[in-house]
Amino acid sequence: MDTNIPNWDQYFMLMAQTASRRSKDTTKVGAVIADKQNRIVGTGYNGMEPGVIETTEMWKKPQKYSRVRHAEINALNHSVTDVRGCTLATTLFPCAACAAAIGNAGIKRVLYLDGAYDNKETRIIFEALDIELIKLEEYK
C-alpha cells in the first residue's frame, strides 16, 4: 500500500494551494470547503469581484485592500450547497472579518497552512463558536 497518499485534510490543503495559483495578488491565498463526505463544495482565491475589469493599478497597495475579496469569502460565496458543518481549508490564517463570515456560515473546522497573520480576534471568534482550528504542515 502506498504510504505517500495524503489524508483528507492534506488533500483539501493541496486543493487550496492549487486554487491560490489563480490569484493575481502577490499574496496568493486559496480556500476550499469540503462537506462531511469529503466532497469539495466550494473553492476560492483572493481576487477582484466577478466582472471587474482589472488594471495593474488596482493590484497595488493600498488600493487593492478595498477591492480584493479574500479567498475564504470567495469560497463561501461560490459554494454549491449549504456549508453548515463543513471544513474550510485555507492557505493563510483567516482575518477576523473572514472568521466572522466562516462562523456565520456554520463551518465547524478550519485548516490553515501559513500562520503569518495569526491574530487574537480570529481565535476569539472561533473559540466562541466552537470552530476547530488546525494548523497543518506543508505536505510534500
Protein backbone atom coordinates (compact mmCIF):
# COMPACT_ATOMS: atom_id res chain seq x y z
CA MET A 1 0.00 0.00 0.00
CA ASP A 2 1.27 3.48 -0.92
CA THR A 3 2.09 5.41 2.28
CA ASN A 4 2.55 8.69 0.40
CA ILE A 5 -1.20 9.20 -0.10
CA PRO A 6 -2.39 12.44 1.56
CA ASN A 7 -5.04 12.17 4.25
CA TRP A 8 -8.26 14.15 3.67
CA ASP A 9 -7.05 17.30 5.44
CA GLN A 10 -3.82 17.26 3.45
CA TYR A 11 -5.79 16.70 0.25
CA PHE A 12 -8.04 19.70 0.97
CA MET A 13 -5.00 21.87 1.64
CA LEU A 14 -3.34 20.73 -1.59
CA MET A 15 -6.53 21.77 -3.40
CA ALA A 16 -6.49 25.15 -1.60
CA GLN A 17 -2.88 25.62 -2.69
CA THR A 18 -3.93 24.89 -6.26
CA ALA A 19 -6.79 27.41 -6.02
CA SER A 20 -4.33 30.04 -4.74
CA ARG A 21 -2.46 29.86 -8.03
CA ARG A 22 -5.42 31.59 -9.73
CA SER A 23 -4.79 34.78 -7.72
CA LYS A 24 -3.14 37.74 -9.38
CA ASP A 25 -2.13 39.15 -5.99
CA THR A 26 1.44 38.89 -4.71
CA THR A 27 -0.01 37.20 -1.60
CA LYS A 28 -1.61 34.17 -3.20
CA VAL A 29 -4.30 32.70 -0.96
CA GLY A 30 -6.63 29.82 -1.73
CA ALA A 31 -9.50 28.19 0.14
CA VAL A 32 -11.53 25.01 -0.25
CA ILE A 33 -14.69 23.92 1.54
CA ALA A 34 -15.40 20.20 1.96
CA ASP A 35 -18.51 18.54 3.34
CA LYS A 36 -18.70 15.66 5.82
CA GLN A 37 -18.46 13.15 2.95
CA ASN A 38 -15.13 14.73 1.88
CA ARG A 39 -16.62 16.27 -1.25
CA ILE A 40 -15.35 19.69 -2.26
CA VAL A 41 -18.34 22.04 -2.36
CA GLY A 42 -16.63 25.41 -2.74
CA THR A 43 -13.34 26.96 -3.79
CA GLY A 44 -11.97 30.46 -3.81
CA TYR A 45 -8.86 32.58 -4.07
CA ASN A 46 -8.11 36.20 -3.26
CA GLY A 47 -9.24 38.27 -6.21
CA MET A 48 -11.47 41.00 -7.53
CA GLU A 49 -15.25 40.80 -7.74
CA PRO A 50 -16.56 38.87 -10.77
CA GLY A 51 -16.97 41.15 -13.78
CA VAL A 52 -14.47 43.79 -12.65
CA ILE A 53 -12.20 44.92 -15.45
CA GLU A 54 -8.85 44.72 -13.71
CA THR A 55 -5.89 47.02 -14.13
CA THR A 56 -2.35 46.85 -12.79
CA GLU A 57 -3.12 49.90 -10.61
CA MET A 58 -5.94 48.07 -8.84
CA TRP A 59 -3.50 45.45 -7.58
CA LYS A 60 -1.13 47.97 -5.99
CA LYS A 61 -1.11 48.85 -2.30
CA PRO A 62 -3.09 50.49 -0.74
CA GLN A 63 -5.80 50.42 -3.47
CA LYS A 64 -6.03 46.64 -3.50
CA TYR A 65 -7.11 46.42 0.15
CA SER A 66 -10.56 47.81 -0.56
CA ARG A 67 -11.04 45.84 -3.76
CA VAL A 68 -9.67 42.34 -3.24
CA ARG A 69 -12.04 39.75 -1.77
CA HIS A 70 -10.40 37.15 0.43
CA ALA A 71 -10.22 33.50 -0.59
CA GLU A 72 -12.40 32.37 2.31
CA ILE A 73 -15.21 34.77 1.37
CA ASN A 74 -15.00 33.73 -2.28
CA ALA A 75 -15.15 30.04 -1.32
CA LEU A 76 -18.24 30.71 0.83
CA ASN A 77 -19.88 32.78 -1.92
CA HIS A 78 -19.14 30.22 -4.61
CA SER A 79 -20.12 27.10 -2.70
CA VAL A 80 -22.67 24.88 -4.40
CA THR A 81 -24.52 23.84 -1.24
CA ASP A 82 -25.18 24.73 2.38
CA VAL A 83 -21.81 24.67 4.15
CA ARG A 84 -23.02 24.17 7.73
CA GLY A 85 -20.85 21.55 9.43
CA CYS A 86 -18.21 21.66 6.68
CA THR A 87 -14.43 22.01 6.82
CA LEU A 88 -12.68 25.01 5.29
CA ALA A 89 -9.01 24.72 4.30
CA THR A 90 -7.17 27.98 3.67
CA THR A 91 -3.54 28.59 2.85
CA LEU A 92 -3.31 31.64 5.15
CA PHE A 93 -4.60 32.20 8.69
CA PRO A 94 -8.02 33.90 8.36
CA CYS A 95 -8.53 37.54 9.28
CA ALA A 96 -11.22 38.44 11.83
CA ALA A 97 -13.72 39.51 9.12
CA CYS A 98 -13.33 36.17 7.34
CA ALA A 99 -13.56 34.36 10.69
CA ALA A 100 -16.91 36.03 11.36
CA ALA A 101 -18.20 35.05 7.91
CA ILE A 102 -16.93 31.48 8.38
CA GLY A 103 -18.72 31.27 11.71
CA ASN A 104 -21.90 32.79 10.30
CA ALA A 105 -21.92 30.17 7.52
CA GLY A 106 -21.73 27.33 10.06
CA ILE A 107 -18.28 25.98 9.18
CA LYS A 108 -17.09 23.73 12.04
CA ARG A 109 -13.43 23.09 11.17
CA VAL A 110 -10.78 25.40 9.73
CA LEU A 111 -7.43 24.15 8.49
CA TYR A 112 -4.67 26.61 7.72
CA LEU A 113 -1.12 26.37 6.45
CA ASP A 114 0.60 29.72 6.96
CA GLY A 115 0.21 31.39 10.37
CA ALA A 116 1.85 34.68 9.41
CA TYR A 117 -1.33 36.63 10.14
CA ASP A 118 -2.38 34.67 13.23
CA ASN A 119 -4.47 37.03 15.36
CA LYS A 120 -6.30 37.06 18.66
CA GLU A 121 -9.62 38.25 17.21
CA THR A 122 -9.96 35.26 14.88
CA ARG A 123 -9.12 32.88 17.71
CA ILE A 124 -11.74 34.51 19.97
CA ILE A 125 -14.42 34.18 17.26
CA PHE A 126 -13.58 30.54 16.56
CA GLU A 127 -13.48 29.65 20.25
CA ALA A 128 -16.82 31.36 20.91
CA LEU A 129 -18.42 29.47 18.02
CA ASP A 130 -16.71 26.15 18.83
CA ILE A 131 -14.90 26.06 15.48
CA GLU A 132 -11.94 23.71 15.48
CA LEU A 133 -8.77 25.45 14.23
CA ILE A 134 -5.98 23.21 12.96
CA LYS A 135 -2.54 24.23 11.66
CA LEU A 136 -1.25 21.85 9.01
CA GLU A 137 2.31 21.37 7.91
CA GLU A 138 3.05 21.58 4.21
CA TYR A 139 2.53 18.22 2.56
CA LYS A 140 5.29 17.03 0.25
